[in-house]
Amino acid sequence: MTIDYSYILLLIELTENMIDEVNRAGLEIYAGEQIIIDKPENILRIAGLINETYEYTKNDENFKRK
């Protein structure tokens, strides 16, 4: 029997502090920095990371070709 979970993949590279935050929230990180979200309400446990990713995406400089 296979159990499928949803996951999110943030646009930013996770630092050790961010990984610690995910672990403190009781969530797991799978290969490729995918954060497993087994219940929809668990996304609220990492609201700080979601906000940080949002702030990253608002800065056009982060998406310019180098």
PDB file of N, CA and C in Angstrom:
ATOM      1  N   MET A   1       0.834  -1.175   0.000  1.00  0.00           N
ATOM      2  CA  MET A   1       0.000   0.000   0.000  1.00  0.00           C
ATOM      3  C   MET A   1       0.884   1.246   0.000  1.00  0.00           C
ATOM      4  N   THR A   2       0.609   2.154  -0.893  1.00  0.00           N
ATOM      5  CA  THR A   2       1.372   3.389  -1.005  1.00  0.00           C
ATOM      6  C   THR A   2       0.549   4.548  -0.451  1.00  0.00           C
ATOM      7  N   ILE A   3       1.196   5.360   0.374  1.00  0.00           N
ATOM      8  CA  ILE A   3       0.548   6.560   0.890  1.00  0.00           C
ATOM      9  C   ILE A   3       1.181   7.754   0.193  1.00  0.00           C
ATOM     10  N   ASP A   4       0.358   8.537  -0.459  1.00  0.00           N
ATOM     11  CA  ASP A   4       0.847   9.729  -1.145  1.00  0.00           C
ATOM     12  C   ASP A   4       0.666  10.942  -0.250  1.00  0.00           C
ATOM     13  N   TYR A   5       1.724  11.717  -0.153  1.00  0.00           N
ATOM     14  CA  TYR A   5       1.682  12.954   0.616  1.00  0.00           C
ATOM     15  C   TYR A   5       1.905  14.120  -0.320  1.00  0.00           C
ATOM     16  N   SER A   6       1.377  15.240   0.060  1.00  0.00           N
ATOM     17  CA  SER A   6       1.675  16.473  -0.656  1.00  0.00           C
ATOM     18  C   SER A   6       2.967  17.042  -0.096  1.00  0.00           C
ATOM     19  N   TYR A   7       3.594  17.862  -0.865  1.00  0.00           N
ATOM     20  CA  TYR A   7       4.813  18.508  -0.412  1.00  0.00           C
ATOM     21  C   TYR A   7       4.928  19.869  -1.069  1.00  0.00           C
ATOM     22  N   ILE A   8       5.785  20.695  -0.487  1.00  0.00           N
ATOM     23  CA  ILE A   8       6.091  21.979  -1.109  1.00  0.00           C
ATOM     24  C   ILE A   8       7.598  22.044  -1.338  1.00  0.00           C
ATOM     25  N   LEU A   9       7.955  22.763  -2.341  1.00  0.00           N
ATOM     26  CA  LEU A   9       9.353  23.000  -2.668  1.00  0.00           C
ATOM     27  C   LEU A   9       9.512  24.511  -2.762  1.00  0.00           C
ATOM     28  N   LEU A  10      10.283  25.077  -1.839  1.00  0.00           N
ATOM     29  CA  LEU A  10      10.456  26.522  -1.794  1.00  0.00           C
ATOM     30  C   LEU A  10      11.494  26.967  -2.827  1.00  0.00           C
ATOM     31  N   LEU A  11      11.399  28.193  -3.267  1.00  0.00           N
ATOM     32  CA  LEU A  11      12.317  28.726  -4.270  1.00  0.00           C
ATOM     33  C   LEU A  11      13.668  29.121  -3.700  1.00  0.00           C
ATOM     34  N   ILE A  12      13.796  29.045  -2.397  1.00  0.00           N
ATOM     35  CA  ILE A  12      15.047  29.438  -1.762  1.00  0.00           C
ATOM     36  C   ILE A  12      15.755  28.202  -1.238  1.00  0.00           C
ATOM     37  N   GLU A  13      17.066  28.289  -1.161  1.00  0.00           N
ATOM     38  CA  GLU A  13      17.834  27.184  -0.604  1.00  0.00           C
ATOM     39  C   GLU A  13      17.674  27.197   0.911  1.00  0.00           C
ATOM     40  N   LEU A  14      17.372  26.041   1.466  1.00  0.00           N
ATOM     41  CA  LEU A  14      17.161  25.960   2.912  1.00  0.00           C
ATOM     42  C   LEU A  14      18.493  25.982   3.652  1.00  0.00           C
ATOM     43  N   THR A  15      18.580  26.879   4.620  1.00  0.00           N
ATOM     44  CA  THR A  15      19.760  26.946   5.476  1.00  0.00           C
ATOM     45  C   THR A  15      19.563  25.970   6.639  1.00  0.00           C
ATOM     46  N   GLU A  16      20.590  25.799   7.432  1.00  0.00           N
ATOM     47  CA  GLU A  16      20.488  24.922   8.603  1.00  0.00           C
ATOM     48  C   GLU A  16      19.412  25.432   9.568  1.00  0.00           C
ATOM     49  N   ASN A  17      19.333  26.755   9.730  1.00  0.00           N
ATOM     50  CA  ASN A  17      18.300  27.330  10.609  1.00  0.00           C
ATOM     51  C   ASN A  17      16.902  27.039  10.084  1.00  0.00           C
ATOM     52  N   MET A  18      16.725  27.104   8.777  1.00  0.00           N
ATOM     53  CA  MET A  18      15.422  26.814   8.183  1.00  0.00           C
ATOM     54  C   MET A  18      15.068  25.340   8.353  1.00  0.00           C
ATOM     55  N   ILE A  19      16.043  24.478   8.169  1.00  0.00           N
ATOM     56  CA  ILE A  19      15.821  23.045   8.358  1.00  0.00           C
ATOM     57  C   ILE A  19      15.438  22.762   9.800  1.00  0.00           C
ATOM     58  N   ASP A  20      16.105  23.441  10.737  1.00  0.00           N
ATOM     59  CA  ASP A  20      15.753  23.301  12.153  1.00  0.00           C
ATOM     60  C   ASP A  20      14.320  23.752  12.408  1.00  0.00           C
ATOM     61  N   GLU A  21      13.907  24.836  11.745  1.00  0.00           N
ATOM     62  CA  GLU A  21      12.538  25.339  11.902  1.00  0.00           C
ATOM     63  C   GLU A  21      11.522  24.311  11.417  1.00  0.00           C
ATOM     64  N   VAL A  22      11.815  23.682  10.288  1.00  0.00           N
ATOM     65  CA  VAL A  22      10.929  22.637   9.754  1.00  0.00           C
ATOM     66  C   VAL A  22      10.848  21.472  10.732  1.00  0.00           C
ATOM     67  N   ASN A  23      11.985  21.059  11.259  1.00  0.00           N
ATOM     68  CA  ASN A  23      12.004  19.945  12.211  1.00  0.00           C
ATOM     69  C   ASN A  23      11.257  20.294  13.492  1.00  0.00           C
ATOM     70  N   ARG A  24      11.430  21.517  13.997  1.00  0.00           N
ATOM     71  CA  ARG A  24      10.707  21.953  15.197  1.00  0.00           C
ATOM     72  C   ARG A  24       9.203  21.961  14.966  1.00  0.00           C
ATOM     73  N   ALA A  25       8.803  22.218  13.725  1.00  0.00           N
ATOM     74  CA  ALA A  25       7.380  22.231  13.378  1.00  0.00           C
ATOM     75  C   ALA A  25       6.806  20.819  13.293  1.00  0.00           C
ATOM     76  N   GLY A  26       7.675  19.824  13.420  1.00  0.00           N
ATOM     77  CA  GLY A  26       7.212  18.440  13.361  1.00  0.00           C
ATOM     78  C   GLY A  26       7.017  17.925  11.951  1.00  0.00           C
ATOM     79  N   LEU A  27       7.623  18.610  10.984  1.00  0.00           N
ATOM     80  CA  LEU A  27       7.509  18.203   9.583  1.00  0.00           C
ATOM     81  C   LEU A  27       8.814  17.554   9.131  1.00  0.00           C
ATOM     82  N   GLU A  28       8.758  16.875   8.007  1.00  0.00           N
ATOM     83  CA  GLU A  28       9.924  16.185   7.484  1.00  0.00           C
ATOM     84  C   GLU A  28      10.351  16.787   6.153  1.00  0.00           C
ATOM     85  N   ILE A  29      11.637  16.680   5.883  1.00  0.00           N
ATOM     86  CA  ILE A  29      12.181  17.115   4.597  1.00  0.00           C
ATOM     87  C   ILE A  29      12.601  15.868   3.837  1.00  0.00           C
ATOM     88  N   TYR A  30      12.127  15.771   2.625  1.00  0.00           N
ATOM     89  CA  TYR A  30      12.428  14.641   1.757  1.00  0.00           C
ATOM     90  C   TYR A  30      13.525  15.067   0.789  1.00  0.00           C
ATOM     91  N   ALA A  31      13.973  14.183  -0.045  1.00  0.00           N
ATOM     92  CA  ALA A  31      15.030  14.454  -1.015  1.00  0.00           C
ATOM     93  C   ALA A  31      14.728  15.717  -1.817  1.00  0.00           C
ATOM     94  N   GLY A  32      15.754  16.487  -2.064  1.00  0.00           N
ATOM     95  CA  GLY A  32      15.590  17.698  -2.860  1.00  0.00           C
ATOM     96  C   GLY A  32      14.935  18.832  -2.107  1.00  0.00           C
ATOM     97  N   GLU A  33      15.005  18.797  -0.780  1.00  0.00           N
ATOM     98  CA  GLU A  33      14.450  19.849   0.071  1.00  0.00           C
ATOM     99  C   GLU A  33      12.939  19.997  -0.056  1.00  0.00           C
ATOM    100  N   GLN A  34      12.243  18.915  -0.343  1.00  0.00           N
ATOM    101  CA  GLN A  34      10.788  18.917  -0.387  1.00  0.00           C
ATOM    102  C   GLN A  34      10.271  18.775   1.039  1.00  0.00           C
ATOM    103  N   ILE A  35       9.410  19.678   1.446  1.00  0.00           N
ATOM    104  CA  ILE A  35       8.835  19.631   2.790  1.00  0.00           C
ATOM    105  C   ILE A  35       7.495  18.914   2.687  1.00  0.00           C
ATOM    106  N   ILE A  36       7.386  17.785   3.379  1.00  0.00           N
ATOM    107  CA  ILE A  36       6.187  16.964   3.311  1.00  0.00           C
ATOM    108  C   ILE A  36       5.087  17.616   4.138  1.00  0.00           C
ATOM    109  N   ILE A  37       3.933  17.773   3.511  1.00  0.00           N
ATOM    110  CA  ILE A  37       2.759  18.347   4.162  1.00  0.00           C
ATOM    111  C   ILE A  37       1.684  17.262   4.158  1.00  0.00           C
ATOM    112  N   ASP A  38       1.566  16.530   5.269  1.00  0.00           N
ATOM    113  CA  ASP A  38       0.623  15.418   5.301  1.00  0.00           C
ATOM    114  C   ASP A  38      -0.820  15.857   5.531  1.00  0.00           C
ATOM    115  N   LYS A  39      -1.019  17.018   6.122  1.00  0.00           N
ATOM    116  CA  LYS A  39      -2.354  17.597   6.305  1.00  0.00           C
ATOM    117  C   LYS A  39      -2.276  19.063   5.890  1.00  0.00           C
ATOM    118  N   PRO A  40      -3.285  19.562   5.191  1.00  0.00           N
ATOM    119  CA  PRO A  40      -3.239  20.943   4.697  1.00  0.00           C
ATOM    120  C   PRO A  40      -2.936  21.984   5.777  1.00  0.00           C
ATOM    121  N   GLU A  41      -3.454  21.782   6.974  1.00  0.00           N
ATOM    122  CA  GLU A  41      -3.239  22.780   8.029  1.00  0.00           C
ATOM    123  C   GLU A  41      -1.785  22.838   8.497  1.00  0.00           C
ATOM    124  N   ASN A  42      -0.985  21.833   8.162  1.00  0.00           N
ATOM    125  CA  ASN A  42       0.417  21.827   8.586  1.00  0.00           C
ATOM    126  C   ASN A  42       1.262  22.875   7.861  1.00  0.00           C
ATOM    127  N   ILE A  43       0.749  23.420   6.776  1.00  0.00           N
ATOM    128  CA  ILE A  43       1.468  24.481   6.080  1.00  0.00           C
ATOM    129  C   ILE A  43       1.619  25.697   7.000  1.00  0.00           C
ATOM    130  N   LEU A  44       0.686  25.872   7.919  1.00  0.00           N
ATOM    131  CA  LEU A  44       0.743  27.005   8.845  1.00  0.00           C
ATOM    132  C   LEU A  44       1.913  26.896   9.816  1.00  0.00           C
ATOM    133  N   ARG A  45       2.452  25.715   9.997  1.00  0.00           N
ATOM    134  CA  ARG A  45       3.575  25.513  10.911  1.00  0.00           C
ATOM    135  C   ARG A  45       4.865  26.151  10.393  1.00  0.00           C
ATOM    136  N   ILE A  46       4.909  26.390   9.097  1.00  0.00           N
ATOM    137  CA  ILE A  46       6.120  26.984   8.512  1.00  0.00           C
ATOM    138  C   ILE A  46       5.793  28.311   7.832  1.00  0.00           C
ATOM    139  N   ALA A  47       4.901  29.053   8.423  1.00  0.00           N
ATOM    140  CA  ALA A  47       4.487  30.344   7.855  1.00  0.00           C
ATOM    141  C   ALA A  47       5.674  31.280   7.666  1.00  0.00           C
ATOM    142  N   GLY A  48       6.657  31.234   8.565  1.00  0.00           N
ATOM    143  CA  GLY A  48       7.835  32.085   8.431  1.00  0.00           C
ATOM    144  C   GLY A  48       8.611  31.789   7.164  1.00  0.00           C
ATOM    145  N   LEU A  49       8.748  30.512   6.827  1.00  0.00           N
ATOM    146  CA  LEU A  49       9.464  30.148   5.598  1.00  0.00           C
ATOM    147  C   LEU A  49       8.671  30.536   4.353  1.00  0.00           C
ATOM    148  N   ILE A  50       7.365  30.390   4.427  1.00  0.00           N
ATOM    149  CA  ILE A  50       6.514  30.790   3.298  1.00  0.00           C
ATOM    150  C   ILE A  50       6.649  32.291   3.069  1.00  0.00           C
ATOM    151  N   ASN A  51       6.631  33.072   4.138  1.00  0.00           N
ATOM    152  CA  ASN A  51       6.779  34.524   4.027  1.00  0.00           C
ATOM    153  C   ASN A  51       8.157  34.893   3.478  1.00  0.00           C
ATOM    154  N   GLU A  52       9.191  34.214   3.944  1.00  0.00           N
ATOM    155  CA  GLU A  52      10.547  34.503   3.464  1.00  0.00           C
ATOM    156  C   GLU A  52      10.669  34.205   1.968  1.00  0.00           C
ATOM    157  N   THR A  53      10.042  33.135   1.524  1.00  0.00           N
ATOM    158  CA  THR A  53      10.044  32.799   0.096  1.00  0.00           C
ATOM    159  C   THR A  53       9.285  33.853  -0.701  1.00  0.00           C
ATOM    160  N   TYR A  54       8.167  34.310  -0.170  1.00  0.00           N
ATOM    161  CA  TYR A  54       7.388  35.353  -0.828  1.00  0.00           C
ATOM    162  C   TYR A  54       8.212  36.627  -0.985  1.00  0.00           C
ATOM    163  N   GLU A  55       8.907  37.019   0.060  1.00  0.00           N
ATOM    164  CA  GLU A  55       9.752  38.210   0.002  1.00  0.00           C
ATOM    165  C   GLU A  55      10.850  38.039  -1.050  1.00  0.00           C
ATOM    166  N   TYR A  56      11.401  36.851  -1.156  1.00  0.00           N
ATOM    167  CA  TYR A  56      12.431  36.559  -2.155  1.00  0.00           C
ATOM    168  C   TYR A  56      11.866  36.755  -3.566  1.00  0.00           C
ATOM    169  N   THR A  57      10.651  36.274  -3.792  1.00  0.00           N
ATOM    170  CA  THR A  57      10.068  36.364  -5.132  1.00  0.00           C
ATOM    171  C   THR A  57       9.684  37.786  -5.520  1.00  0.00           C
ATOM    172  N   LYS A  58       9.496  38.667  -4.545  1.00  0.00           N
ATOM    173  CA  LYS A  58       9.142  40.059  -4.849  1.00  0.00           C
ATOM    174  C   LYS A  58      10.329  40.858  -5.381  1.00  0.00           C
ATOM    175  N   ASN A  59      11.527  40.362  -5.171  1.00  0.00           N
ATOM    176  CA  ASN A  59      12.723  41.080  -5.608  1.00  0.00           C
ATOM    177  C   ASN A  59      13.134  40.602  -7.003  1.00  0.00           C
ATOM    178  N   ASP A  60      12.941  41.446  -8.007  1.00  0.00           N
ATOM    179  CA  ASP A  60      13.264  41.089  -9.388  1.00  0.00           C
ATOM    180  C   ASP A  60      14.753  40.761  -9.576  1.00  0.00           C
ATOM    181  N   GLU A  61      15.597  41.315  -8.733  1.00  0.00           N
ATOM    182  CA  GLU A  61      17.038  41.056  -8.847  1.00  0.00           C
ATOM    183  C   GLU A  61      17.353  39.565  -8.677  1.00  0.00           C
ATOM    184  N   ASN A  62      16.520  38.859  -7.963  1.00  0.00           N
ATOM    185  CA  ASN A  62      16.755  37.434  -7.731  1.00  0.00           C
ATOM    186  C   ASN A  62      16.499  36.585  -8.975  1.00  0.00           C
ATOM    187  N   PHE A  63      15.925  37.179 -10.008  1.00  0.00           N
ATOM    188  CA  PHE A  63      15.555  36.418 -11.201  1.00  0.00           C
ATOM    189  C   PHE A  63      16.265  36.909 -12.473  1.00  0.00           C
ATOM    190  N   LYS A  64      17.206  37.822 -12.306  1.00  0.00           N
ATOM    191  CA  LYS A  64      17.966  38.288 -13.470  1.00  0.00           C
ATOM    192  C   LYS A  64      19.020  37.258 -13.841  1.00  0.00           C
ATOM    193  N   ARG A  65      19.243  37.153 -15.121  1.00  0.00           N
ATOM    194  CA  ARG A  65      20.313  36.249 -15.589  1.00  0.00           C
ATOM    195  C   ARG A  65      21.662  36.850 -15.255  1.00  0.00           C
ATOM    196  N   LYS A  66      22.556  35.990 -14.882  1.00  0.00           N
ATOM    197  CA  LYS A  66      23.892  36.445 -14.492  1.00  0.00           C
ATOM    198  C   LYS A  66      24.890  36.138 -15.570  1.00  0.00           C
TER     199      LYS A  66
END
